[in-house]
Amino acid sequence: SLTATLLSAWGTPDRENYFATLRGIALDEPNDRLLATDSGLNAIVAVDLQTGARTYFSPPSSEPDDEDLLLLPQSIILDRPNNRALVLD
């Protein structure tokens, strides 16, 4: 049987960290979260798999020329052996 879990809705905790333009997701099982690239927010949003609460995994870019911030993240993959997320930006 299949089980569905709602991770984004008006009743979800921290809904102010909404998804604007969701582009990619990666399941981070060891940390019990989903990492989502959002090109509208220019950020990676972490979604707690138990509560659905959303927090920024990387800060959004406020200016296009900000250094060391995402400009237009498109996808994400986890490199578990090296404990890092690789983001196509």
PDB file of N, CA and C in Angstrom:
ATOM      1  N   SER A   1       0.834  -1.183   0.000  1.00  0.00           N
ATOM      2  CA  SER A   1       0.000   0.000   0.000  1.00  0.00           C
ATOM      3  C   SER A   1       0.873   1.239   0.000  1.00  0.00           C
ATOM      4  N   LEU A   2       0.379   2.295  -0.589  1.00  0.00           N
ATOM      5  CA  LEU A   2       1.091   3.562  -0.673  1.00  0.00           C
ATOM      6  C   LEU A   2       0.656   4.489   0.446  1.00  0.00           C
ATOM      7  N   THR A   3       1.592   5.288   0.913  1.00  0.00           N
ATOM      8  CA  THR A   3       1.298   6.270   1.937  1.00  0.00           C
ATOM      9  C   THR A   3       1.655   7.650   1.396  1.00  0.00           C
ATOM     10  N   ALA A   4       0.777   8.601   1.586  1.00  0.00           N
ATOM     11  CA  ALA A   4       1.026   9.976   1.151  1.00  0.00           C
ATOM     12  C   ALA A   4       1.276  10.849   2.369  1.00  0.00           C
ATOM     13  N   THR A   5       2.223  11.761   2.244  1.00  0.00           N
ATOM     14  CA  THR A   5       2.524  12.712   3.310  1.00  0.00           C
ATOM     15  C   THR A   5       2.486  14.108   2.734  1.00  0.00           C
ATOM     16  N   LEU A   6       1.738  14.991   3.361  1.00  0.00           N
ATOM     17  CA  LEU A   6       1.624  16.369   2.919  1.00  0.00           C
ATOM     18  C   LEU A   6       2.764  17.187   3.510  1.00  0.00           C
ATOM     19  N   LEU A   7       3.586  17.782   2.651  1.00  0.00           N
ATOM     20  CA  LEU A   7       4.743  18.549   3.118  1.00  0.00           C
ATOM     21  C   LEU A   7       4.602  20.046   2.864  1.00  0.00           C
ATOM     22  N   SER A   8       3.584  20.454   2.137  1.00  0.00           N
ATOM     23  CA  SER A   8       3.435  21.872   1.839  1.00  0.00           C
ATOM     24  C   SER A   8       1.957  22.214   1.700  1.00  0.00           C
ATOM     25  N   ALA A   9       1.456  22.969   2.644  1.00  0.00           N
ATOM     26  CA  ALA A   9       0.062  23.390   2.606  1.00  0.00           C
ATOM     27  C   ALA A   9      -0.129  24.524   3.607  1.00  0.00           C
ATOM     28  N   TRP A  10      -1.295  25.137   3.596  1.00  0.00           N
ATOM     29  CA  TRP A  10      -1.537  26.260   4.498  1.00  0.00           C
ATOM     30  C   TRP A  10      -1.451  25.851   5.953  1.00  0.00           C
ATOM     31  N   GLY A  11      -1.746  24.616   6.295  1.00  0.00           N
ATOM     32  CA  GLY A  11      -1.699  24.178   7.677  1.00  0.00           C
ATOM     33  C   GLY A  11      -0.333  23.679   8.120  1.00  0.00           C
ATOM     34  N   THR A  12       0.640  23.704   7.229  1.00  0.00           N
ATOM     35  CA  THR A  12       1.971  23.192   7.530  1.00  0.00           C
ATOM     36  C   THR A  12       2.747  24.187   8.372  1.00  0.00           C
ATOM     37  N   PRO A  13       3.487  23.724   9.397  1.00  0.00           N
ATOM     38  CA  PRO A  13       4.288  24.656  10.207  1.00  0.00           C
ATOM     39  C   PRO A  13       5.267  25.452   9.345  1.00  0.00           C
ATOM     40  N   ASP A  14       5.544  26.672   9.738  1.00  0.00           N
ATOM     41  CA  ASP A  14       6.478  27.564   9.048  1.00  0.00           C
ATOM     42  C   ASP A  14       6.078  27.790   7.595  1.00  0.00           C
ATOM     43  N   ARG A  15       4.807  27.925   7.356  1.00  0.00           N
ATOM     44  CA  ARG A  15       4.349  28.085   5.978  1.00  0.00           C
ATOM     45  C   ARG A  15       4.834  29.387   5.336  1.00  0.00           C
ATOM     46  N   GLU A  16       5.397  30.309   6.151  1.00  0.00           N
ATOM     47  CA  GLU A  16       5.947  31.515   5.537  1.00  0.00           C
ATOM     48  C   GLU A  16       7.151  31.176   4.666  1.00  0.00           C
ATOM     49  N   ASN A  17       7.771  30.022   4.897  1.00  0.00           N
ATOM     50  CA  ASN A  17       8.851  29.553   4.035  1.00  0.00           C
ATOM     51  C   ASN A  17       8.247  28.725   2.909  1.00  0.00           C
ATOM     52  N   TYR A  18       7.405  29.362   2.140  1.00  0.00           N
ATOM     53  CA  TYR A  18       6.677  28.707   1.065  1.00  0.00           C
ATOM     54  C   TYR A  18       7.619  28.353  -0.087  1.00  0.00           C
ATOM     55  N   PHE A  19       7.128  27.503  -0.972  1.00  0.00           N
ATOM     56  CA  PHE A  19       7.846  27.237  -2.210  1.00  0.00           C
ATOM     57  C   PHE A  19       7.345  28.208  -3.264  1.00  0.00           C
ATOM     58  N   ALA A  20       8.259  28.829  -3.985  1.00  0.00           N
ATOM     59  CA  ALA A  20       7.877  29.758  -5.047  1.00  0.00           C
ATOM     60  C   ALA A  20       7.971  29.069  -6.408  1.00  0.00           C
ATOM     61  N   THR A  21       9.147  28.580  -6.741  1.00  0.00           N
ATOM     62  CA  THR A  21       9.383  27.913  -8.020  1.00  0.00           C
ATOM     63  C   THR A  21      10.241  26.684  -7.752  1.00  0.00           C
ATOM     64  N   LEU A  22       9.604  25.627  -7.308  1.00  0.00           N
ATOM     65  CA  LEU A  22      10.294  24.396  -6.951  1.00  0.00           C
ATOM     66  C   LEU A  22      10.902  23.765  -8.201  1.00  0.00           C
ATOM     67  N   ARG A  23      12.206  23.442  -8.130  1.00  0.00           N
ATOM     68  CA  ARG A  23      12.907  22.887  -9.288  1.00  0.00           C
ATOM     69  C   ARG A  23      13.409  21.472  -9.066  1.00  0.00           C
ATOM     70  N   GLY A  24      13.871  21.147  -7.880  1.00  0.00           N
ATOM     71  CA  GLY A  24      14.413  19.819  -7.635  1.00  0.00           C
ATOM     72  C   GLY A  24      14.354  19.469  -6.165  1.00  0.00           C
ATOM     73  N   ILE A  25      14.395  18.162  -5.881  1.00  0.00           N
ATOM     74  CA  ILE A  25      14.373  17.712  -4.500  1.00  0.00           C
ATOM     75  C   ILE A  25      15.375  16.579  -4.306  1.00  0.00           C
ATOM     76  N   ALA A  26      15.839  16.436  -3.080  1.00  0.00           N
ATOM     77  CA  ALA A  26      16.723  15.336  -2.701  1.00  0.00           C
ATOM     78  C   ALA A  26      16.335  14.891  -1.302  1.00  0.00           C
ATOM     79  N   LEU A  27      16.214  13.591  -1.119  1.00  0.00           N
ATOM     80  CA  LEU A  27      15.888  13.037   0.185  1.00  0.00           C
ATOM     81  C   LEU A  27      17.160  12.886   1.002  1.00  0.00           C
ATOM     82  N   ASP A  28      17.195  13.534   2.149  1.00  0.00           N
ATOM     83  CA  ASP A  28      18.333  13.466   3.072  1.00  0.00           C
ATOM     84  C   ASP A  28      17.898  12.580   4.244  1.00  0.00           C
ATOM     85  N   GLU A  29      17.917  11.275   4.031  1.00  0.00           N
ATOM     86  CA  GLU A  29      17.426  10.328   5.034  1.00  0.00           C
ATOM     87  C   GLU A  29      18.143  10.415   6.378  1.00  0.00           C
ATOM     88  N   PRO A  30      19.474  10.511   6.409  1.00  0.00           N
ATOM     89  CA  PRO A  30      20.143  10.558   7.716  1.00  0.00           C
ATOM     90  C   PRO A  30      19.677  11.722   8.600  1.00  0.00           C
ATOM     91  N   ASN A  31      19.251  12.814   7.974  1.00  0.00           N
ATOM     92  CA  ASN A  31      18.794  13.979   8.729  1.00  0.00           C
ATOM     93  C   ASN A  31      17.275  14.114   8.718  1.00  0.00           C
ATOM     94  N   ASP A  32      16.577  13.101   8.189  1.00  0.00           N
ATOM     95  CA  ASP A  32      15.116  13.060   8.181  1.00  0.00           C
ATOM     96  C   ASP A  32      14.509  14.330   7.592  1.00  0.00           C
ATOM     97  N   ARG A  33      15.024  14.702   6.407  1.00  0.00           N
ATOM     98  CA  ARG A  33      14.513  15.912   5.760  1.00  0.00           C
ATOM     99  C   ARG A  33      14.596  15.773   4.246  1.00  0.00           C
ATOM    100  N   LEU A  34      13.880  16.640   3.599  1.00  0.00           N
ATOM    101  CA  LEU A  34      13.895  16.759   2.153  1.00  0.00           C
ATOM    102  C   LEU A  34      14.533  18.104   1.850  1.00  0.00           C
ATOM    103  N   LEU A  35      15.463  18.154   0.901  1.00  0.00           N
ATOM    104  CA  LEU A  35      16.064  19.414   0.478  1.00  0.00           C
ATOM    105  C   LEU A  35      15.497  19.767  -0.887  1.00  0.00           C
ATOM    106  N   ALA A  36      14.979  20.961  -1.027  1.00  0.00           N
ATOM    107  CA  ALA A  36      14.330  21.386  -2.261  1.00  0.00           C
ATOM    108  C   ALA A  36      14.990  22.637  -2.817  1.00  0.00           C
ATOM    109  N   THR A  37      15.335  22.608  -4.116  1.00  0.00           N
ATOM    110  CA  THR A  37      15.866  23.809  -4.765  1.00  0.00           C
ATOM    111  C   THR A  37      14.682  24.640  -5.233  1.00  0.00           C
ATOM    112  N   ASP A  38      14.751  25.921  -4.972  1.00  0.00           N
ATOM    113  CA  ASP A  38      13.684  26.827  -5.364  1.00  0.00           C
ATOM    114  C   ASP A  38      14.299  28.019  -6.086  1.00  0.00           C
ATOM    115  N   SER A  39      14.090  28.092  -7.400  1.00  0.00           N
ATOM    116  CA  SER A  39      14.696  29.167  -8.182  1.00  0.00           C
ATOM    117  C   SER A  39      13.965  30.495  -8.022  1.00  0.00           C
ATOM    118  N   GLY A  40      12.759  30.473  -7.486  1.00  0.00           N
ATOM    119  CA  GLY A  40      12.051  31.726  -7.208  1.00  0.00           C
ATOM    120  C   GLY A  40      12.565  32.389  -5.946  1.00  0.00           C
ATOM    121  N   LEU A  41      12.990  31.569  -4.975  1.00  0.00           N
ATOM    122  CA  LEU A  41      13.539  32.079  -3.717  1.00  0.00           C
ATOM    123  C   LEU A  41      15.061  32.196  -3.768  1.00  0.00           C
ATOM    124  N   ASN A  42      15.684  31.564  -4.788  1.00  0.00           N
ATOM    125  CA  ASN A  42      17.146  31.498  -4.881  1.00  0.00           C
ATOM    126  C   ASN A  42      17.729  30.873  -3.626  1.00  0.00           C
ATOM    127  N   ALA A  43      17.136  29.762  -3.221  1.00  0.00           N
ATOM    128  CA  ALA A  43      17.545  29.124  -1.971  1.00  0.00           C
ATOM    129  C   ALA A  43      17.282  27.627  -2.023  1.00  0.00           C
ATOM    130  N   ILE A  44      17.852  26.936  -1.034  1.00  0.00           N
ATOM    131  CA  ILE A  44      17.519  25.550  -0.770  1.00  0.00           C
ATOM    132  C   ILE A  44      16.673  25.561   0.500  1.00  0.00           C
ATOM    133  N   VAL A  45      15.523  24.931   0.435  1.00  0.00           N
ATOM    134  CA  VAL A  45      14.618  24.863   1.583  1.00  0.00           C
ATOM    135  C   VAL A  45      14.653  23.439   2.129  1.00  0.00           C
ATOM    136  N   ALA A  46      14.872  23.314   3.438  1.00  0.00           N
ATOM    137  CA  ALA A  46      14.854  22.009   4.102  1.00  0.00           C
ATOM    138  C   ALA A  46      13.459  21.784   4.665  1.00  0.00           C
ATOM    139  N   VAL A  47      12.895  20.607   4.385  1.00  0.00           N
ATOM    140  CA  VAL A  47      11.568  20.261   4.875  1.00  0.00           C
ATOM    141  C   VAL A  47      11.714  19.093   5.844  1.00  0.00           C
ATOM    142  N   ASP A  48      11.340  19.306   7.101  1.00  0.00           N
ATOM    143  CA  ASP A  48      11.378  18.251   8.105  1.00  0.00           C
ATOM    144  C   ASP A  48      10.335  17.195   7.744  1.00  0.00           C
ATOM    145  N   LEU A  49      10.750  15.944   7.612  1.00  0.00           N
ATOM    146  CA  LEU A  49       9.833  14.888   7.189  1.00  0.00           C
ATOM    147  C   LEU A  49       8.831  14.482   8.261  1.00  0.00           C
ATOM    148  N   GLN A  50       9.078  14.824   9.502  1.00  0.00           N
ATOM    149  CA  GLN A  50       8.140  14.487  10.575  1.00  0.00           C
ATOM    150  C   GLN A  50       7.043  15.529  10.731  1.00  0.00           C
ATOM    151  N   THR A  51       7.410  16.810  10.601  1.00  0.00           N
ATOM    152  CA  THR A  51       6.441  17.879  10.860  1.00  0.00           C
ATOM    153  C   THR A  51       6.046  18.664   9.621  1.00  0.00           C
ATOM    154  N   GLY A  52       6.868  18.623   8.582  1.00  0.00           N
ATOM    155  CA  GLY A  52       6.612  19.447   7.400  1.00  0.00           C
ATOM    156  C   GLY A  52       7.153  20.855   7.542  1.00  0.00           C
ATOM    157  N   ALA A  53       7.760  21.181   8.697  1.00  0.00           N
ATOM    158  CA  ALA A  53       8.297  22.526   8.913  1.00  0.00           C
ATOM    159  C   ALA A  53       9.398  22.816   7.898  1.00  0.00           C
ATOM    160  N   ARG A  54       9.394  24.016   7.378  1.00  0.00           N
ATOM    161  CA  ARG A  54      10.365  24.429   6.372  1.00  0.00           C
ATOM    162  C   ARG A  54      11.306  25.485   6.919  1.00  0.00           C
ATOM    163  N   THR A  55      12.588  25.305   6.638  1.00  0.00           N
ATOM    164  CA  THR A  55      13.607  26.283   7.008  1.00  0.00           C
ATOM    165  C   THR A  55      14.576  26.405   5.853  1.00  0.00           C
ATOM    166  N   TYR A  56      15.284  27.514   5.812  1.00  0.00           N
ATOM    167  CA  TYR A  56      16.287  27.686   4.759  1.00  0.00           C
ATOM    168  C   TYR A  56      17.514  26.860   5.079  1.00  0.00           C
ATOM    169  N   PHE A  57      17.938  26.048   4.116  1.00  0.00           N
ATOM    170  CA  PHE A  57      19.170  25.276   4.217  1.00  0.00           C
ATOM    171  C   PHE A  57      20.317  26.146   3.720  1.00  0.00           C
ATOM    172  N   SER A  58      20.026  27.005   2.766  1.00  0.00           N
ATOM    173  CA  SER A  58      20.960  28.028   2.301  1.00  0.00           C
ATOM    174  C   SER A  58      20.163  29.320   2.212  1.00  0.00           C
ATOM    175  N   PRO A  59      20.780  30.427   2.527  1.00  0.00           N
ATOM    176  CA  PRO A  59      20.011  31.678   2.530  1.00  0.00           C
ATOM    177  C   PRO A  59      19.636  32.112   1.120  1.00  0.00           C
ATOM    178  N   PRO A  60      18.494  32.762   0.984  1.00  0.00           N
ATOM    179  CA  PRO A  60      18.139  33.295  -0.333  1.00  0.00           C
ATOM    180  C   PRO A  60      19.051  34.452  -0.723  1.00  0.00           C
ATOM    181  N   SER A  61      19.221  34.620  -2.003  1.00  0.00           N
ATOM    182  CA  SER A  61      20.046  35.716  -2.519  1.00  0.00           C
ATOM    183  C   SER A  61      19.176  36.954  -2.684  1.00  0.00           C
ATOM    184  N   SER A  62      19.564  38.040  -2.061  1.00  0.00           N
ATOM    185  CA  SER A  62      18.771  39.270  -2.180  1.00  0.00           C
ATOM    186  C   SER A  62      19.179  40.092  -3.399  1.00  0.00           C
ATOM    187  N   GLU A  63      20.394  39.944  -3.850  1.00  0.00           N
ATOM    188  CA  GLU A  63      20.907  40.671  -5.011  1.00  0.00           C
ATOM    189  C   GLU A  63      21.544  39.687  -5.988  1.00  0.00           C
ATOM    190  N   PRO A  64      21.396  39.908  -7.283  1.00  0.00           N
ATOM    191  CA  PRO A  64      21.978  38.988  -8.250  1.00  0.00           C
ATOM    192  C   PRO A  64      23.500  38.839  -8.137  1.00  0.00           C
ATOM    193  N   ASP A  65      24.196  39.854  -7.632  1.00  0.00           N
ATOM    194  CA  ASP A  65      25.652  39.804  -7.552  1.00  0.00           C
ATOM    195  C   ASP A  65      26.177  39.400  -6.181  1.00  0.00           C
ATOM    196  N   ASP A  66      25.290  38.972  -5.270  1.00  0.00           N
ATOM    197  CA  ASP A  66      25.746  38.502  -3.962  1.00  0.00           C
ATOM    198  C   ASP A  66      26.728  37.353  -4.143  1.00  0.00           C
ATOM    199  N   GLU A  67      27.805  37.368  -3.390  1.00  0.00           N
ATOM    200  CA  GLU A  67      28.789  36.301  -3.487  1.00  0.00           C
ATOM    201  C   GLU A  67      28.414  35.143  -2.568  1.00  0.00           C
ATOM    202  N   ASP A  68      28.776  33.946  -2.996  1.00  0.00           N
ATOM    203  CA  ASP A  68      28.581  32.726  -2.213  1.00  0.00           C
ATOM    204  C   ASP A  68      27.116  32.431  -1.901  1.00  0.00           C
ATOM    205  N   LEU A  69      26.206  32.965  -2.691  1.00  0.00           N
ATOM    206  CA  LEU A  69      24.792  32.657  -2.540  1.00  0.00           C
ATOM    207  C   LEU A  69      24.274  32.111  -3.858  1.00  0.00           C
ATOM    208  N   LEU A  70      23.166  31.423  -3.810  1.00  0.00           N
ATOM    209  CA  LEU A  70      22.586  30.854  -5.016  1.00  0.00           C
ATOM    210  C   LEU A  70      21.921  31.941  -5.857  1.00  0.00           C
ATOM    211  N   LEU A  71      22.043  31.803  -7.174  1.00  0.00           N
ATOM    212  CA  LEU A  71      21.442  32.777  -8.079  1.00  0.00           C
ATOM    213  C   LEU A  71      20.175  32.241  -8.736  1.00  0.00           C
ATOM    214  N   LEU A  72      20.201  30.982  -9.159  1.00  0.00           N
ATOM    215  CA  LEU A  72      19.040  30.373  -9.797  1.00  0.00           C
ATOM    216  C   LEU A  72      19.170  28.851  -9.707  1.00  0.00           C
ATOM    217  N   PRO A  73      19.026  28.293  -8.495  1.00  0.00           N
ATOM    218  CA  PRO A  73      19.221  26.859  -8.318  1.00  0.00           C
ATOM    219  C   PRO A  73      18.189  26.049  -9.099  1.00  0.00           C
ATOM    220  N   GLN A  74      18.678  25.048  -9.821  1.00  0.00           N
ATOM    221  CA  GLN A  74      17.806  24.246 -10.669  1.00  0.00           C
ATOM    222  C   GLN A  74      17.591  22.826 -10.163  1.00  0.00           C
ATOM    223  N   SER A  75      18.633  22.228  -9.592  1.00  0.00           N
ATOM    224  CA  SER A  75      18.490  20.860  -9.102  1.00  0.00           C
ATOM    225  C   SER A  75      19.491  20.607  -7.985  1.00  0.00           C
ATOM    226  N   ILE A  76      19.300  19.475  -7.309  1.00  0.00           N
ATOM    227  CA  ILE A  76      20.148  19.145  -6.158  1.00  0.00           C
ATOM    228  C   ILE A  76      20.339  17.634  -6.101  1.00  0.00           C
ATOM    229  N   ILE A  77      21.510  17.224  -5.660  1.00  0.00           N
ATOM    230  CA  ILE A  77      21.811  15.819  -5.439  1.00  0.00           C
ATOM    231  C   ILE A  77      22.686  15.751  -4.190  1.00  0.00           C
ATOM    232  N   LEU A  78      22.531  14.696  -3.409  1.00  0.00           N
ATOM    233  CA  LEU A  78      23.345  14.540  -2.207  1.00  0.00           C
ATOM    234  C   LEU A  78      24.555  13.660  -2.503  1.00  0.00           C
ATOM    235  N   ASP A  79      25.688  14.086  -2.013  1.00  0.00           N
ATOM    236  CA  ASP A  79      26.934  13.321  -2.073  1.00  0.00           C
ATOM    237  C   ASP A  79      27.169  12.826  -0.651  1.00  0.00           C
ATOM    238  N   ARG A  80      26.518  11.710  -0.298  1.00  0.00           N
ATOM    239  CA  ARG A  80      26.553  11.218   1.081  1.00  0.00           C
ATOM    240  C   ARG A  80      27.959  10.873   1.572  1.00  0.00           C
ATOM    241  N   PRO A  81      28.819  10.230   0.747  1.00  0.00           N
ATOM    242  CA  PRO A  81      30.164   9.894   1.262  1.00  0.00           C
ATOM    243  C   PRO A  81      30.959  11.118   1.711  1.00  0.00           C
ATOM    244  N   ASN A  82      30.682  12.273   1.081  1.00  0.00           N
ATOM    245  CA  ASN A  82      31.405  13.494   1.441  1.00  0.00           C
ATOM    246  C   ASN A  82      30.551  14.468   2.253  1.00  0.00           C
ATOM    247  N   ASN A  83      29.342  14.035   2.653  1.00  0.00           N
ATOM    248  CA  ASN A  83      28.444  14.831   3.499  1.00  0.00           C
ATOM    249  C   ASN A  83      28.213  16.232   2.937  1.00  0.00           C
ATOM    250  N   ARG A  84      27.778  16.283   1.666  1.00  0.00           N
ATOM    251  CA  ARG A  84      27.517  17.588   1.056  1.00  0.00           C
ATOM    252  C   ARG A  84      26.391  17.466   0.029  1.00  0.00           C
ATOM    253  N   ALA A  85      25.804  18.593  -0.275  1.00  0.00           N
ATOM    254  CA  ALA A  85      24.787  18.683  -1.313  1.00  0.00           C
ATOM    255  C   ALA A  85      25.415  19.392  -2.508  1.00  0.00           C
ATOM    256  N   LEU A  86      25.188  18.857  -3.682  1.00  0.00           N
ATOM    257  CA  LEU A  86      25.667  19.480  -4.910  1.00  0.00           C
ATOM    258  C   LEU A  86      24.465  20.104  -5.602  1.00  0.00           C
ATOM    259  N   VAL A  87      24.581  21.387  -5.944  1.00  0.00           N
ATOM    260  CA  VAL A  87      23.463  22.137  -6.492  1.00  0.00           C
ATOM    261  C   VAL A  87      23.823  22.662  -7.881  1.00  0.00           C
ATOM    262  N   LEU A  88      22.964  22.404  -8.860  1.00  0.00           N
ATOM    263  CA  LEU A  88      23.128  23.002 -10.180  1.00  0.00           C
ATOM    264  C   LEU A  88      22.542  24.401 -10.101  1.00  0.00           C
ATOM    265  N   ASP A  89      23.409  25.403 -10.219  1.00  0.00           N
ATOM    266  CA  ASP A  89      23.014  26.802 -10.056  1.00  0.00           C
ATOM    267  C   ASP A  89      23.423  27.581 -11.290  1.00  0.00           C
TER     268      ASP A  89
END
